[in-house]
Amino acid sequence: MCDHRDMDTKHRYHGYVSLQRRGVVALPAEVRERMHLDEPGAQLEVTEREDGVLELRAALPVPADQAWFWTQRWQEREREVDDLVAAGQVAVHDDVDDFLAHVDDVAGVADDGTAGE
């Protein structure tokens, strides 16, 4: 899901929309596009507050085959990688053999394929 609370104020929309029959509300095209609500399956979360305010939040679906990526554990690991990249602690390899040799080195695998000490 997208969090648009950090959006700068120059892009925030303020205006009126009409409530049509059966409760249909048409959002302005600029808002739908910016919030990606024109994508298939997009929904709005509606919260009725005690003070009478209706809050609408964009809720974009995550395809089932991509749900693993958004799990808490996977996102923690993504942040760890981002930190390593930002710190310059990455290795870039031009070919597969160099990469595999690096993996073996990091894993402590000896040249004969056995676990090193």
PDB file of N, CA and C in Angstrom:
ATOM      1  N   MET A   1       0.820  -1.181   0.000  1.00  0.00           N
ATOM      2  CA  MET A   1       0.000   0.000   0.000  1.00  0.00           C
ATOM      3  C   MET A   1       0.868   1.250   0.000  1.00  0.00           C
ATOM      4  N   CYS A   2       0.384   2.250  -0.622  1.00  0.00           N
ATOM      5  CA  CYS A   2       1.129   3.501  -0.671  1.00  0.00           C
ATOM      6  C   CYS A   2       0.751   4.356   0.520  1.00  0.00           C
ATOM      7  N   ASP A   3       1.700   5.101   1.047  1.00  0.00           N
ATOM      8  CA  ASP A   3       1.433   6.040   2.116  1.00  0.00           C
ATOM      9  C   ASP A   3       1.716   7.428   1.563  1.00  0.00           C
ATOM     10  N   HIS A   4       0.674   8.197   1.356  1.00  0.00           N
ATOM     11  CA  HIS A   4       0.825   9.510   0.726  1.00  0.00           C
ATOM     12  C   HIS A   4       0.795  10.641   1.746  1.00  0.00           C
ATOM     13  N   ARG A   5       0.972  10.321   3.044  1.00  0.00           N
ATOM     14  CA  ARG A   5       0.946  11.368   4.059  1.00  0.00           C
ATOM     15  C   ARG A   5       2.138  12.305   3.941  1.00  0.00           C
ATOM     16  N   ASP A   6       3.237  11.836   3.339  1.00  0.00           N
ATOM     17  CA  ASP A   6       4.431  12.673   3.208  1.00  0.00           C
ATOM     18  C   ASP A   6       4.422  13.529   1.950  1.00  0.00           C
ATOM     19  N   MET A   7       3.359  13.443   1.171  1.00  0.00           N
ATOM     20  CA  MET A   7       3.270  14.195  -0.077  1.00  0.00           C
ATOM     21  C   MET A   7       3.297  15.698   0.236  1.00  0.00           C
ATOM     22  N   ASP A   8       4.059  16.451  -0.524  1.00  0.00           N
ATOM     23  CA  ASP A   8       4.105  17.883  -0.237  1.00  0.00           C
ATOM     24  C   ASP A   8       2.752  18.521  -0.545  1.00  0.00           C
ATOM     25  N   THR A   9       2.494  19.642   0.107  1.00  0.00           N
ATOM     26  CA  THR A   9       1.169  20.260   0.059  1.00  0.00           C
ATOM     27  C   THR A   9       0.784  20.774  -1.319  1.00  0.00           C
ATOM     28  N   LYS A  10       1.718  21.034  -2.205  1.00  0.00           N
ATOM     29  CA  LYS A  10       1.345  21.562  -3.511  1.00  0.00           C
ATOM     30  C   LYS A  10       0.581  20.539  -4.349  1.00  0.00           C
ATOM     31  N   HIS A  11       0.676  19.231  -4.000  1.00  0.00           N
ATOM     32  CA  HIS A  11      -0.020  18.195  -4.743  1.00  0.00           C
ATOM     33  C   HIS A  11      -1.314  17.748  -4.076  1.00  0.00           C
ATOM     34  N   ARG A  12      -1.605  18.247  -2.924  1.00  0.00           N
ATOM     35  CA  ARG A  12      -2.812  17.815  -2.231  1.00  0.00           C
ATOM     36  C   ARG A  12      -4.032  18.454  -2.871  1.00  0.00           C
ATOM     37  N   TYR A  13      -5.071  17.651  -2.967  1.00  0.00           N
ATOM     38  CA  TYR A  13      -6.307  18.113  -3.589  1.00  0.00           C
ATOM     39  C   TYR A  13      -7.271  18.591  -2.516  1.00  0.00           C
ATOM     40  N   HIS A  14      -7.937  19.679  -2.791  1.00  0.00           N
ATOM     41  CA  HIS A  14      -9.046  20.120  -1.959  1.00  0.00           C
ATOM     42  C   HIS A  14     -10.139  20.599  -2.893  1.00  0.00           C
ATOM     43  N   GLY A  15     -11.293  20.059  -2.716  1.00  0.00           N
ATOM     44  CA  GLY A  15     -12.413  20.434  -3.562  1.00  0.00           C
ATOM     45  C   GLY A  15     -13.639  19.633  -3.165  1.00  0.00           C
ATOM     46  N   TYR A  16     -14.645  19.698  -3.990  1.00  0.00           N
ATOM     47  CA  TYR A  16     -15.891  19.005  -3.711  1.00  0.00           C
ATOM     48  C   TYR A  16     -16.161  17.986  -4.802  1.00  0.00           C
ATOM     49  N   VAL A  17     -16.779  16.884  -4.406  1.00  0.00           N
ATOM     50  CA  VAL A  17     -17.238  15.881  -5.355  1.00  0.00           C
ATOM     51  C   VAL A  17     -18.708  15.625  -5.054  1.00  0.00           C
ATOM     52  N   SER A  18     -19.424  15.236  -6.073  1.00  0.00           N
ATOM     53  CA  SER A  18     -20.849  14.973  -5.906  1.00  0.00           C
ATOM     54  C   SER A  18     -21.076  13.538  -5.472  1.00  0.00           C
ATOM     55  N   LEU A  19     -22.054  13.366  -4.633  1.00  0.00           N
ATOM     56  CA  LEU A  19     -22.487  12.040  -4.234  1.00  0.00           C
ATOM     57  C   LEU A  19     -23.650  11.670  -5.137  1.00  0.00           C
ATOM     58  N   GLN A  20     -23.476  10.640  -5.920  1.00  0.00           N
ATOM     59  CA  GLN A  20     -24.488  10.242  -6.897  1.00  0.00           C
ATOM     60  C   GLN A  20     -25.386   9.159  -6.305  1.00  0.00           C
ATOM     61  N   ARG A  21     -26.334   8.723  -7.107  1.00  0.00           N
ATOM     62  CA  ARG A  21     -27.253   7.678  -6.669  1.00  0.00           C
ATOM     63  C   ARG A  21     -26.468   6.465  -6.193  1.00  0.00           C
ATOM     64  N   ARG A  22     -27.018   5.773  -5.235  1.00  0.00           N
ATOM     65  CA  ARG A  22     -26.432   4.559  -4.668  1.00  0.00           C
ATOM     66  C   ARG A  22     -25.074   4.824  -4.017  1.00  0.00           C
ATOM     67  N   GLY A  23     -24.776   6.065  -3.670  1.00  0.00           N
ATOM     68  CA  GLY A  23     -23.555   6.388  -2.944  1.00  0.00           C
ATOM     69  C   GLY A  23     -22.291   6.449  -3.774  1.00  0.00           C
ATOM     70  N   VAL A  24     -22.403   6.536  -5.078  1.00  0.00           N
ATOM     71  CA  VAL A  24     -21.232   6.582  -5.955  1.00  0.00           C
ATOM     72  C   VAL A  24     -20.578   7.955  -5.886  1.00  0.00           C
ATOM     73  N   VAL A  25     -19.264   7.942  -5.684  1.00  0.00           N
ATOM     74  CA  VAL A  25     -18.478   9.174  -5.651  1.00  0.00           C
ATOM     75  C   VAL A  25     -17.418   9.062  -6.736  1.00  0.00           C
ATOM     76  N   ALA A  26     -17.327  10.066  -7.592  1.00  0.00           N
ATOM     77  CA  ALA A  26     -16.296  10.084  -8.639  1.00  0.00           C
ATOM     78  C   ALA A  26     -15.168  11.002  -8.192  1.00  0.00           C
ATOM     79  N   LEU A  27     -13.986  10.417  -8.025  1.00  0.00           N
ATOM     80  CA  LEU A  27     -12.820  11.214  -7.652  1.00  0.00           C
ATOM     81  C   LEU A  27     -12.262  11.899  -8.888  1.00  0.00           C
ATOM     82  N   PRO A  28     -11.698  13.081  -8.724  1.00  0.00           N
ATOM     83  CA  PRO A  28     -11.085  13.769  -9.871  1.00  0.00           C
ATOM     84  C   PRO A  28      -9.981  12.918 -10.496  1.00  0.00           C
ATOM     85  N   ALA A  29      -9.863  12.987 -11.807  1.00  0.00           N
ATOM     86  CA  ALA A  29      -8.886  12.184 -12.544  1.00  0.00           C
ATOM     87  C   ALA A  29      -7.469  12.405 -12.021  1.00  0.00           C
ATOM     88  N   GLU A  30      -7.107  13.652 -11.713  1.00  0.00           N
ATOM     89  CA  GLU A  30      -5.743  13.933 -11.246  1.00  0.00           C
ATOM     90  C   GLU A  30      -5.446  13.193  -9.943  1.00  0.00           C
ATOM     91  N   VAL A  31      -6.436  13.068  -9.076  1.00  0.00           N
ATOM     92  CA  VAL A  31      -6.246  12.352  -7.808  1.00  0.00           C
ATOM     93  C   VAL A  31      -6.151  10.859  -8.073  1.00  0.00           C
ATOM     94  N   ARG A  32      -7.043  10.329  -8.912  1.00  0.00           N
ATOM     95  CA  ARG A  32      -7.014   8.896  -9.232  1.00  0.00           C
ATOM     96  C   ARG A  32      -5.662   8.506  -9.821  1.00  0.00           C
ATOM     97  N   GLU A  33      -5.151   9.308 -10.727  1.00  0.00           N
ATOM     98  CA  GLU A  33      -3.872   8.996 -11.376  1.00  0.00           C
ATOM     99  C   GLU A  33      -2.713   9.084 -10.388  1.00  0.00           C
ATOM    100  N   ARG A  34      -2.635  10.167  -9.629  1.00  0.00           N
ATOM    101  CA  ARG A  34      -1.533  10.369  -8.694  1.00  0.00           C
ATOM    102  C   ARG A  34      -1.515   9.307  -7.603  1.00  0.00           C
ATOM    103  N   MET A  35      -2.689   8.874  -7.155  1.00  0.00           N
ATOM    104  CA  MET A  35      -2.790   7.893  -6.082  1.00  0.00           C
ATOM    105  C   MET A  35      -2.854   6.456  -6.616  1.00  0.00           C
ATOM    106  N   HIS A  36      -2.746   6.300  -7.945  1.00  0.00           N
ATOM    107  CA  HIS A  36      -2.783   4.997  -8.612  1.00  0.00           C
ATOM    108  C   HIS A  36      -4.115   4.275  -8.403  1.00  0.00           C
ATOM    109  N   LEU A  37      -5.162   5.043  -8.226  1.00  0.00           N
ATOM    110  CA  LEU A  37      -6.486   4.457  -8.038  1.00  0.00           C
ATOM    111  C   LEU A  37      -7.141   4.088  -9.357  1.00  0.00           C
ATOM    112  N   ASP A  38      -6.452   4.349 -10.456  1.00  0.00           N
ATOM    113  CA  ASP A  38      -6.968   3.953 -11.764  1.00  0.00           C
ATOM    114  C   ASP A  38      -6.465   2.560 -12.152  1.00  0.00           C
ATOM    115  N   GLU A  39      -5.729   1.902 -11.240  1.00  0.00           N
ATOM    116  CA  GLU A  39      -5.218   0.561 -11.495  1.00  0.00           C
ATOM    117  C   GLU A  39      -6.280  -0.478 -11.149  1.00  0.00           C
ATOM    118  N   PRO A  40      -6.275  -1.603 -11.852  1.00  0.00           N
ATOM    119  CA  PRO A  40      -7.262  -2.652 -11.565  1.00  0.00           C
ATOM    120  C   PRO A  40      -7.189  -3.114 -10.110  1.00  0.00           C
ATOM    121  N   GLY A  41      -8.334  -3.263  -9.495  1.00  0.00           N
ATOM    122  CA  GLY A  41      -8.403  -3.771  -8.133  1.00  0.00           C
ATOM    123  C   GLY A  41      -8.191  -2.734  -7.045  1.00  0.00           C
ATOM    124  N   ALA A  42      -7.914  -1.487  -7.428  1.00  0.00           N
ATOM    125  CA  ALA A  42      -7.689  -0.449  -6.425  1.00  0.00           C
ATOM    126  C   ALA A  42      -8.956  -0.240  -5.611  1.00  0.00           C
ATOM    127  N   GLN A  43      -8.776   0.013  -4.330  1.00  0.00           N
ATOM    128  CA  GLN A  43      -9.896   0.249  -3.435  1.00  0.00           C
ATOM    129  C   GLN A  43      -9.603   1.458  -2.566  1.00  0.00           C
ATOM    130  N   LEU A  44     -10.638   1.947  -1.903  1.00  0.00           N
ATOM    131  CA  LEU A  44     -10.490   2.994  -0.903  1.00  0.00           C
ATOM    132  C   LEU A  44     -10.908   2.429   0.444  1.00  0.00           C
ATOM    133  N   GLU A  45     -10.062   2.611   1.437  1.00  0.00           N
ATOM    134  CA  GLU A  45     -10.427   2.269   2.811  1.00  0.00           C
ATOM    135  C   GLU A  45     -11.211   3.459   3.354  1.00  0.00           C
ATOM    136  N   VAL A  46     -12.362   3.216   3.942  1.00  0.00           N
ATOM    137  CA  VAL A  46     -13.209   4.278   4.477  1.00  0.00           C
ATOM    138  C   VAL A  46     -13.257   4.134   5.990  1.00  0.00           C
ATOM    139  N   THR A  47     -12.940   5.228   6.701  1.00  0.00           N
ATOM    140  CA  THR A  47     -13.014   5.248   8.151  1.00  0.00           C
ATOM    141  C   THR A  47     -13.932   6.397   8.566  1.00  0.00           C
ATOM    142  N   GLU A  48     -14.959   6.067   9.322  1.00  0.00           N
ATOM    143  CA  GLU A  48     -15.858   7.097   9.852  1.00  0.00           C
ATOM    144  C   GLU A  48     -15.369   7.447  11.247  1.00  0.00           C
ATOM    145  N   ARG A  49     -14.940   8.697  11.422  1.00  0.00           N
ATOM    146  CA  ARG A  49     -14.432   9.137  12.716  1.00  0.00           C
ATOM    147  C   ARG A  49     -15.563   9.665  13.590  1.00  0.00           C
ATOM    148  N   GLU A  50     -15.321   9.723  14.891  1.00  0.00           N
ATOM    149  CA  GLU A  50     -16.327  10.208  15.839  1.00  0.00           C
ATOM    150  C   GLU A  50     -16.690  11.663  15.598  1.00  0.00           C
ATOM    151  N   ASP A  51     -15.762  12.441  15.021  1.00  0.00           N
ATOM    152  CA  ASP A  51     -16.027  13.861  14.789  1.00  0.00           C
ATOM    153  C   ASP A  51     -16.780  14.114  13.485  1.00  0.00           C
ATOM    154  N   GLY A  52     -17.241  13.044  12.835  1.00  0.00           N
ATOM    155  CA  GLY A  52     -18.030  13.188  11.618  1.00  0.00           C
ATOM    156  C   GLY A  52     -17.229  13.223  10.333  1.00  0.00           C
ATOM    157  N   VAL A  53     -15.919  13.122  10.425  1.00  0.00           N
ATOM    158  CA  VAL A  53     -15.069  13.142   9.244  1.00  0.00           C
ATOM    159  C   VAL A  53     -14.998  11.738   8.646  1.00  0.00           C
ATOM    160  N   LEU A  54     -15.110  11.665   7.317  1.00  0.00           N
ATOM    161  CA  LEU A  54     -14.885  10.413   6.600  1.00  0.00           C
ATOM    162  C   LEU A  54     -13.484  10.463   6.020  1.00  0.00           C
ATOM    163  N   GLU A  55     -12.653   9.506   6.409  1.00  0.00           N
ATOM    164  CA  GLU A  55     -11.298   9.419   5.878  1.00  0.00           C
ATOM    165  C   GLU A  55     -11.281   8.384   4.769  1.00  0.00           C
ATOM    166  N   LEU A  56     -10.641   8.725   3.665  1.00  0.00           N
ATOM    167  CA  LEU A  56     -10.465   7.800   2.554  1.00  0.00           C
ATOM    168  C   LEU A  56      -8.973   7.564   2.379  1.00  0.00           C
ATOM    169  N   ARG A  57      -8.575   6.295   2.305  1.00  0.00           N
ATOM    170  CA  ARG A  57      -7.163   5.957   2.088  1.00  0.00           C
ATOM    171  C   ARG A  57      -7.065   5.008   0.903  1.00  0.00           C
ATOM    172  N   ALA A  58      -6.111   5.267   0.041  1.00  0.00           N
ATOM    173  CA  ALA A  58      -5.885   4.388  -1.100  1.00  0.00           C
ATOM    174  C   ALA A  58      -5.415   3.026  -0.588  1.00  0.00           C
ATOM    175  N   ALA A  59      -6.000   1.980  -1.127  1.00  0.00           N
ATOM    176  CA  ALA A  59      -5.612   0.618  -0.775  1.00  0.00           C
ATOM    177  C   ALA A  59      -5.398  -0.136  -2.082  1.00  0.00           C
ATOM    178  N   LEU A  60      -4.139  -0.293  -2.445  1.00  0.00           N
ATOM    179  CA  LEU A  60      -3.814  -0.971  -3.692  1.00  0.00           C
ATOM    180  C   LEU A  60      -3.549  -2.441  -3.399  1.00  0.00           C
ATOM    181  N   PRO A  61      -4.139  -3.324  -4.172  1.00  0.00           N
ATOM    182  CA  PRO A  61      -3.972  -4.752  -3.900  1.00  0.00           C
ATOM    183  C   PRO A  61      -2.569  -5.240  -4.237  1.00  0.00           C
ATOM    184  N   VAL A  62      -2.150  -6.260  -3.517  1.00  0.00           N
ATOM    185  CA  VAL A  62      -0.879  -6.920  -3.799  1.00  0.00           C
ATOM    186  C   VAL A  62      -1.223  -8.264  -4.428  1.00  0.00           C
ATOM    187  N   PRO A  63      -0.728  -8.515  -5.645  1.00  0.00           N
ATOM    188  CA  PRO A  63      -0.998  -9.816  -6.259  1.00  0.00           C
ATOM    189  C   PRO A  63      -0.504 -10.954  -5.363  1.00  0.00           C
ATOM    190  N   ALA A  64      -1.255 -12.043  -5.309  1.00  0.00           N
ATOM    191  CA  ALA A  64      -0.935 -13.170  -4.424  1.00  0.00           C
ATOM    192  C   ALA A  64       0.483 -13.688  -4.643  1.00  0.00           C
ATOM    193  N   ASP A  65       0.956 -13.694  -5.887  1.00  0.00           N
ATOM    194  CA  ASP A  65       2.289 -14.220  -6.146  1.00  0.00           C
ATOM    195  C   ASP A  65       3.404 -13.255  -5.741  1.00  0.00           C
ATOM    196  N   GLN A  66       3.042 -12.066  -5.235  1.00  0.00           N
ATOM    197  CA  GLN A  66       4.042 -11.103  -4.762  1.00  0.00           C
ATOM    198  C   GLN A  66       3.902 -10.795  -3.273  1.00  0.00           C
ATOM    199  N   ALA A  67       2.970 -11.463  -2.599  1.00  0.00           N
ATOM    200  CA  ALA A  67       2.704 -11.188  -1.183  1.00  0.00           C
ATOM    201  C   ALA A  67       3.931 -11.460  -0.310  1.00  0.00           C
ATOM    202  N   TRP A  68       4.731 -12.457  -0.667  1.00  0.00           N
ATOM    203  CA  TRP A  68       5.928 -12.787   0.113  1.00  0.00           C
ATOM    204  C   TRP A  68       6.844 -11.580   0.264  1.00  0.00           C
ATOM    205  N   PHE A  69       6.924 -10.759  -0.787  1.00  0.00           N
ATOM    206  CA  PHE A  69       7.829  -9.610  -0.772  1.00  0.00           C
ATOM    207  C   PHE A  69       7.440  -8.601   0.294  1.00  0.00           C
ATOM    208  N   TRP A  70       6.171  -8.526   0.629  1.00  0.00           N
ATOM    209  CA  TRP A  70       5.676  -7.520   1.559  1.00  0.00           C
ATOM    210  C   TRP A  70       5.550  -8.022   2.988  1.00  0.00           C
ATOM    211  N   THR A  71       6.023  -9.259   3.252  1.00  0.00           N
ATOM    212  CA  THR A  71       6.000  -9.748   4.628  1.00  0.00           C
ATOM    213  C   THR A  71       6.989  -8.942   5.460  1.00  0.00           C
ATOM    214  N   GLN A  72       6.755  -8.888   6.768  1.00  0.00           N
ATOM    215  CA  GLN A  72       7.622  -8.104   7.644  1.00  0.00           C
ATOM    216  C   GLN A  72       9.073  -8.578   7.566  1.00  0.00           C
ATOM    217  N   ARG A  73       9.288  -9.898   7.597  1.00  0.00           N
ATOM    218  CA  ARG A  73      10.652 -10.437   7.562  1.00  0.00           C
ATOM    219  C   ARG A  73      11.367 -10.057   6.272  1.00  0.00           C
ATOM    220  N   TRP A  74      10.666 -10.185   5.136  1.00  0.00           N
ATOM    221  CA  TRP A  74      11.319  -9.859   3.867  1.00  0.00           C
ATOM    222  C   TRP A  74      11.648  -8.366   3.799  1.00  0.00           C
ATOM    223  N   GLN A  75      10.763  -7.517   4.277  1.00  0.00           N
ATOM    224  CA  GLN A  75      11.018  -6.077   4.256  1.00  0.00           C
ATOM    225  C   GLN A  75      12.191  -5.707   5.165  1.00  0.00           C
ATOM    226  N   GLU A  76      12.324  -6.400   6.306  1.00  0.00           N
ATOM    227  CA  GLU A  76      13.483  -6.182   7.178  1.00  0.00           C
ATOM    228  C   GLU A  76      14.775  -6.513   6.420  1.00  0.00           C
ATOM    229  N   ARG A  77      14.752  -7.627   5.693  1.00  0.00           N
ATOM    230  CA  ARG A  77      15.934  -8.032   4.930  1.00  0.00           C
ATOM    231  C   ARG A  77      16.223  -7.049   3.798  1.00  0.00           C
ATOM    232  N   GLU A  78      15.190  -6.513   3.166  1.00  0.00           N
ATOM    233  CA  GLU A  78      15.389  -5.494   2.117  1.00  0.00           C
ATOM    234  C   GLU A  78      16.068  -4.258   2.702  1.00  0.00           C
ATOM    235  N   ARG A  79      15.640  -3.844   3.899  1.00  0.00           N
ATOM    236  CA  ARG A  79      16.258  -2.682   4.545  1.00  0.00           C
ATOM    237  C   ARG A  79      17.723  -2.961   4.885  1.00  0.00           C
ATOM    238  N   GLU A  80      18.030  -4.203   5.326  1.00  0.00           N
ATOM    239  CA  GLU A  80      19.419  -4.568   5.608  1.00  0.00           C
ATOM    240  C   GLU A  80      20.276  -4.438   4.356  1.00  0.00           C
ATOM    241  N   VAL A  81      19.773  -4.913   3.241  1.00  0.00           N
ATOM    242  CA  VAL A  81      20.506  -4.813   1.978  1.00  0.00           C
ATOM    243  C   VAL A  81      20.685  -3.357   1.586  1.00  0.00           C
ATOM    244  N   ASP A  82      19.633  -2.553   1.720  1.00  0.00           N
ATOM    245  CA  ASP A  82      19.743  -1.131   1.398  1.00  0.00           C
ATOM    246  C   ASP A  82      20.837  -0.475   2.221  1.00  0.00           C
ATOM    247  N   ASP A  83      20.922  -0.834   3.513  1.00  0.00           N
ATOM    248  CA  ASP A  83      21.962  -0.274   4.378  1.00  0.00           C
ATOM    249  C   ASP A  83      23.358  -0.695   3.908  1.00  0.00           C
ATOM    250  N   LEU A  84      23.505  -1.956   3.523  1.00  0.00           N
ATOM    251  CA  LEU A  84      24.801  -2.436   3.034  1.00  0.00           C
ATOM    252  C   LEU A  84      25.200  -1.738   1.737  1.00  0.00           C
ATOM    253  N   VAL A  85      24.252  -1.559   0.846  1.00  0.00           N
ATOM    254  CA  VAL A  85      24.531  -0.865  -0.415  1.00  0.00           C
ATOM    255  C   VAL A  85      24.936   0.579  -0.129  1.00  0.00           C
ATOM    256  N   ALA A  86      24.194   1.244   0.760  1.00  0.00           N
ATOM    257  CA  ALA A  86      24.501   2.639   1.099  1.00  0.00           C
ATOM    258  C   ALA A  86      25.887   2.768   1.723  1.00  0.00           C
ATOM    259  N   ALA A  87      26.321   1.742   2.458  1.00  0.00           N
ATOM    260  CA  ALA A  87      27.639   1.762   3.107  1.00  0.00           C
ATOM    261  C   ALA A  87      28.749   1.306   2.170  1.00  0.00           C
ATOM    262  N   GLY A  88      28.393   0.933   0.943  1.00  0.00           N
ATOM    263  CA  GLY A  88      29.392   0.491  -0.019  1.00  0.00           C
ATOM    264  C   GLY A  88      29.918  -0.905   0.245  1.00  0.00           C
ATOM    265  N   GLN A  89      29.180  -1.684   1.010  1.00  0.00           N
ATOM    266  CA  GLN A  89      29.617  -3.040   1.358  1.00  0.00           C
ATOM    267  C   GLN A  89      28.986  -4.067   0.422  1.00  0.00           C
ATOM    268  N   VAL A  90      29.217  -3.882  -0.845  1.00  0.00           N
ATOM    269  CA  VAL A  90      28.688  -4.802  -1.854  1.00  0.00           C
ATOM    270  C   VAL A  90      29.812  -5.218  -2.788  1.00  0.00           C
ATOM    271  N   ALA A  91      29.629  -6.352  -3.427  1.00  0.00           N
ATOM    272  CA  ALA A  91      30.595  -6.820  -4.418  1.00  0.00           C
ATOM    273  C   ALA A  91      29.869  -6.960  -5.747  1.00  0.00           C
ATOM    274  N   VAL A  92      30.481  -6.436  -6.801  1.00  0.00           N
ATOM    275  CA  VAL A  92      29.908  -6.528  -8.144  1.00  0.00           C
ATOM    276  C   VAL A  92      30.781  -7.473  -8.959  1.00  0.00           C
ATOM    277  N   HIS A  93      30.128  -8.422  -9.642  1.00  0.00           N
ATOM    278  CA  HIS A  93      30.868  -9.415 -10.420  1.00  0.00           C
ATOM    279  C   HIS A  93      30.451  -9.325 -11.876  1.00  0.00           C
ATOM    280  N   ASP A  94      31.441  -9.419 -12.757  1.00  0.00           N
ATOM    281  CA  ASP A  94      31.181  -9.327 -14.191  1.00  0.00           C
ATOM    282  C   ASP A  94      30.731 -10.640 -14.809  1.00  0.00           C
ATOM    283  N   ASP A  95      31.031 -11.754 -14.136  1.00  0.00           N
ATOM    284  CA  ASP A  95      30.594 -13.037 -14.706  1.00  0.00           C
ATOM    285  C   ASP A  95      30.218 -14.009 -13.591  1.00  0.00           C
ATOM    286  N   VAL A  96      29.570 -15.068 -13.977  1.00  0.00           N
ATOM    287  CA  VAL A  96      29.037 -16.046 -13.036  1.00  0.00           C
ATOM    288  C   VAL A  96      30.153 -16.743 -12.263  1.00  0.00           C
ATOM    289  N   ASP A  97      31.248 -17.084 -12.929  1.00  0.00           N
ATOM    290  CA  ASP A  97      32.346 -17.795 -12.256  1.00  0.00           C
ATOM    291  C   ASP A  97      32.927 -16.956 -11.116  1.00  0.00           C
ATOM    292  N   ASP A  98      33.139 -15.649 -11.365  1.00  0.00           N
ATOM    293  CA  ASP A  98      33.625 -14.764 -10.303  1.00  0.00           C
ATOM    294  C   ASP A  98      32.637 -14.709  -9.150  1.00  0.00           C
ATOM    295  N   PHE A  99      31.370 -14.618  -9.484  1.00  0.00           N
ATOM    296  CA  PHE A  99      30.326 -14.565  -8.450  1.00  0.00           C
ATOM    297  C   PHE A  99      30.333 -15.833  -7.612  1.00  0.00           C
ATOM    298  N   LEU A 100      30.356 -17.007  -8.272  1.00  0.00           N
ATOM    299  CA  LEU A 100      30.331 -18.270  -7.543  1.00  0.00           C
ATOM    300  C   LEU A 100      31.576 -18.453  -6.681  1.00  0.00           C
ATOM    301  N   ALA A 101      32.723 -18.013  -7.181  1.00  0.00           N
ATOM    302  CA  ALA A 101      33.947 -18.081  -6.390  1.00  0.00           C
ATOM    303  C   ALA A 101      33.821 -17.195  -5.149  1.00  0.00           C
ATOM    304  N   HIS A 102      33.218 -16.030  -5.312  1.00  0.00           N
ATOM    305  CA  HIS A 102      33.005 -15.131  -4.169  1.00  0.00           C
ATOM    306  C   HIS A 102      32.064 -15.762  -3.153  1.00  0.00           C
ATOM    307  N   VAL A 103      30.983 -16.379  -3.629  1.00  0.00           N
ATOM    308  CA  VAL A 103      30.026 -17.037  -2.722  1.00  0.00           C
ATOM    309  C   VAL A 103      30.730 -18.154  -1.950  1.00  0.00           C
ATOM    310  N   ASP A 104      31.531 -18.954  -2.655  1.00  0.00           N
ATOM    311  CA  ASP A 104      32.272 -20.026  -1.985  1.00  0.00           C
ATOM    312  C   ASP A 104      33.218 -19.452  -0.937  1.00  0.00           C
ATOM    313  N   ASP A 105      33.878 -18.349  -1.271  1.00  0.00           N
ATOM    314  CA  ASP A 105      34.808 -17.715  -0.340  1.00  0.00           C
ATOM    315  C   ASP A 105      34.077 -17.232   0.910  1.00  0.00           C
ATOM    316  N   VAL A 106      32.955 -16.577   0.709  1.00  0.00           N
ATOM    317  CA  VAL A 106      32.176 -16.062   1.841  1.00  0.00           C
ATOM    318  C   VAL A 106      31.632 -17.212   2.679  1.00  0.00           C
ATOM    319  N   ALA A 107      31.215 -18.314   2.013  1.00  0.00           N
ATOM    320  CA  ALA A 107      30.655 -19.459   2.729  1.00  0.00           C
ATOM    321  C   ALA A 107      31.724 -20.347   3.329  1.00  0.00           C
ATOM    322  N   GLY A 108      32.997 -20.093   3.008  1.00  0.00           N
ATOM    323  CA  GLY A 108      34.076 -20.905   3.545  1.00  0.00           C
ATOM    324  C   GLY A 108      34.218 -22.250   2.882  1.00  0.00           C
ATOM    325  N   VAL A 109      33.897 -22.327   1.604  1.00  0.00           N
ATOM    326  CA  VAL A 109      34.012 -23.573   0.855  1.00  0.00           C
ATOM    327  C   VAL A 109      35.407 -23.655   0.254  1.00  0.00           C
ATOM    328  N   ALA A 110      36.075 -24.782   0.481  1.00  0.00           N
ATOM    329  CA  ALA A 110      37.438 -24.974  -0.040  1.00  0.00           C
ATOM    330  C   ALA A 110      37.375 -25.262  -1.535  1.00  0.00           C
ATOM    331  N   ASP A 111      38.523 -25.175  -2.211  1.00  0.00           N
ATOM    332  CA  ASP A 111      38.608 -25.408  -3.647  1.00  0.00           C
ATOM    333  C   ASP A 111      38.098 -26.788  -4.049  1.00  0.00           C
ATOM    334  N   ASP A 112      38.191 -27.767  -3.142  1.00  0.00           N
ATOM    335  CA  ASP A 112      37.727 -29.112  -3.495  1.00  0.00           C
ATOM    336  C   ASP A 112      36.242 -29.304  -3.238  1.00  0.00           C
ATOM    337  N   GLY A 113      35.535 -28.236  -2.830  1.00  0.00           N
ATOM    338  CA  GLY A 113      34.086 -28.314  -2.637  1.00  0.00           C
ATOM    339  C   GLY A 113      33.673 -28.669  -1.233  1.00  0.00           C
ATOM    340  N   THR A 114      34.635 -28.924  -0.330  1.00  0.00           N
ATOM    341  CA  THR A 114      34.284 -29.248   1.050  1.00  0.00           C
ATOM    342  C   THR A 114      34.261 -27.984   1.884  1.00  0.00           C
ATOM    343  N   ALA A 115      33.573 -28.055   2.989  1.00  0.00           N
ATOM    344  CA  ALA A 115      33.489 -26.895   3.881  1.00  0.00           C
ATOM    345  C   ALA A 115      34.854 -26.619   4.472  1.00  0.00           C
ATOM    346  N   GLY A 116      35.291 -25.370   4.370  1.00  0.00           N
ATOM    347  CA  GLY A 116      36.580 -24.979   4.921  1.00  0.00           C
ATOM    348  C   GLY A 116      36.460 -24.656   6.407  1.00  0.00           C
ATOM    349  N   GLU A 117      37.578 -24.369   7.013  1.00  0.00           N
ATOM    350  CA  GLU A 117      37.555 -24.025   8.433  1.00  0.00           C
ATOM    351  C   GLU A 117      37.744 -22.567   8.644  1.00  0.00           C
TER     352      GLU A 117
END
